[in-house]
Amino acid sequence: MNRPTSTLQAILRAARIAPSLSRGFGLTLVLAAAGTGGHVIVPITVQQVLDRQVLTGDAIDMTRVITSGVVAVIALTAAVACTRAAMLRLVRAGAAGLAELRVATFRHVHELSVLHVQAERRGALVARVTSDIEAITQFLEWGGVGMLVGTAQVVLVVTVMLFYDPRLALLVVGAAAGYALLLLLFQRVLRRAFDRVRVKVATSLAAMGEAISGLPTIRAYGAEEATRDKVDRALDDQFRTEFRTGALGAVMFSSAELFAASVTAGVVVAGVLLGEVGGGLTAGQLIAFLFLVTLFIEPVQMLVEVLNEAQTAASGVRRVLEVVDTPVDVADPTHGQPLPPGPLSVTLRGVRYRYPTGGDVLTGIDVHVGAGARVAVVGETGSGKSTFVKLVTRLIDATDGVVEVGGIPIQRVSFASLRDRVAFVPQDGFLFSTTLADNVRYGAPHASDAEVDRAIAELGLREWVGTLPDGLRTSVGERGSRLSAGERQLVALARAWIARPDLLVLDEATSAVDPALEVRLRRAMERLISGRTSITVAHRLSTAEAADQVLVFDRGELVERGTHDELVTIGGIYAQLHVDWAASAGR
């Protein structure tokens, strides 16, 4: 889909994504027009009183003057009620629509592949559903209402002006058209400036987010000053960009005052000339027309004032749409198939994977993992192990070739079935800022407390949980900060266990763990793997020793495969890796 380039295109596109933004807009516009209608009653009343009562030279009929005043007050009261109703409807529609837009953006981010999300700065993605949409919200709550009411008022005032004197009306409209043309030209410059502001805001949010989340590492390496400098530079860039943009907006704002004075002076001069020369304009009509000019200029000035907010909002809309319109590179098939029951096999034929910004990471991969088999994947860092397991779990899609799970091409398997039957345990198990039990429950969202407790017991982790302050109700902190790396991995294993997968893919993590916890980890992993198909990225080759098959990767190629004994016998890459590991482990 082509991404919108103009503000109008962006707004129309956002309205299609969030229908509440435009729902009932016709009635809102009618109410806004009715609200402005009461305002033109005042100049008409003044003109009628002057021309028919005050300036006739006859006695003034106070009954008619009072009646005219009462009618004007009633009309203004009705106008205020209509304007308030229009404002409430617009604010309500804006709130509902932006909620829809926020949800749509958030859901789309979750539909993007892990690779795409990892390539983006998390702070920038968060800014899309926070600060960018907040800018739109602020505009709609004030500027949007003003623009709607102001536009209706301008249209109605011009209509009455044409009724009084088309020549003066054309003078006012012509001046406004020239001013609008200048604003449109200036708006392009301002739009680019506000786009730069939103980019700088996202950059500073990302820098601050990294500085906060990476605080332990920053302190450990004494990098506080360098980190502060980086954040300061980001904030300074944001400030300078916002200041320059604000200065441009100030120039445009001051031009509105000059426009108002020039139009008023022009109408007075032209009105006097028309009254003197042509004889077609009375004093009351000229005064009424000046009232109308004031009513015309007020919304024009207001529109100029809120244009800054409108540009900020429009920039936010475009940046949100950049996310929403990003193609989903790993999509849930429309008519996805369920996986067959029982343990699942895995087959890769002629698989190649290339990162969008680099060369091939995997080439010519042909593998078959039988149902119920236990497979270990080994290799040096950067050999392609992680990419291999991401393909098996469909966190990414192969560039070429076919990946099958349970005999079905993985791209035809529904996400619901794939996520229900295939579990992935990463090396650094991510924990959410809630209790230990709730983190385990992510593997089975509807599991009861008793089921969570049973899963802990079945993995032999009840003794460990008993050492925690509040047992299963212990809060793990943000990203599991209150637990050690090994303890976080235990929770991740329990999460996979309660999901009851038929294919388990895990990235073994037992390094830098105290001996007692390592024993728990290995026992829990052994119970988790037992009876199901498993593919384990093995960092400790004792896992490979117990595997039915070992896959050895080197520089993106599958260079060796076989049992541990077979690979040690042939004396290849695996044999050397095993020798090095045994030496480091003191075996």
Foldseek 3Di string as FASTA:
>chain_A
DDFDDDLVVLVVVLCVQQVLQCVPVVLLLVLLLQLLVLLLLVLVLLLCCCVPAVPPPDHHDVVVNVVSVVVSVVSNVSSVVSLVVSLVSQLVSLVRSLVSLLVLLVVLLVLAFPVVNVVDQPLLSVCLNPVLSVLLNVCSNPVVSLLSSLVSNLVVLLVVVCVLPVVLSCVLVVLVVVLVVVVVVLVVVLLVLLLVLSVLVSVLSSLVVCCVVCVVVCVVVVVVVVSVVSNVVSVVSNVVSVVVSVVSLVVLLVVLVVSLVVSLVVLVVVQVCCCVPVVRHDPSSSVSNSSSSVSNSVSVSSNSVSVSSSSSNSSSSSSSVVSSPDDRQQHFDPQADAADDAFKKKWWAQFWADDPVGGTQAGGDTDIGDWLFFEEEEEDPSLCPVVVVCCQLVSDDTPDTFMDMNNHGPSRHGPVNSLLAEEEQEQQQFAAQFFLLCRLCVLPVPDDPVLLVVLCVLLVNQVVLVVAPVRRRHGLHHRSVNDDSLVSSVSSLSSNSSSVHQEYEYEDHQPPHDPVSSVSNVSSVVSSSPRHHYYYHDPQCVSQQPGQKYFYGGSNYRDDMGHPVVVCVVPDPVVVVNVVNCVVVVD
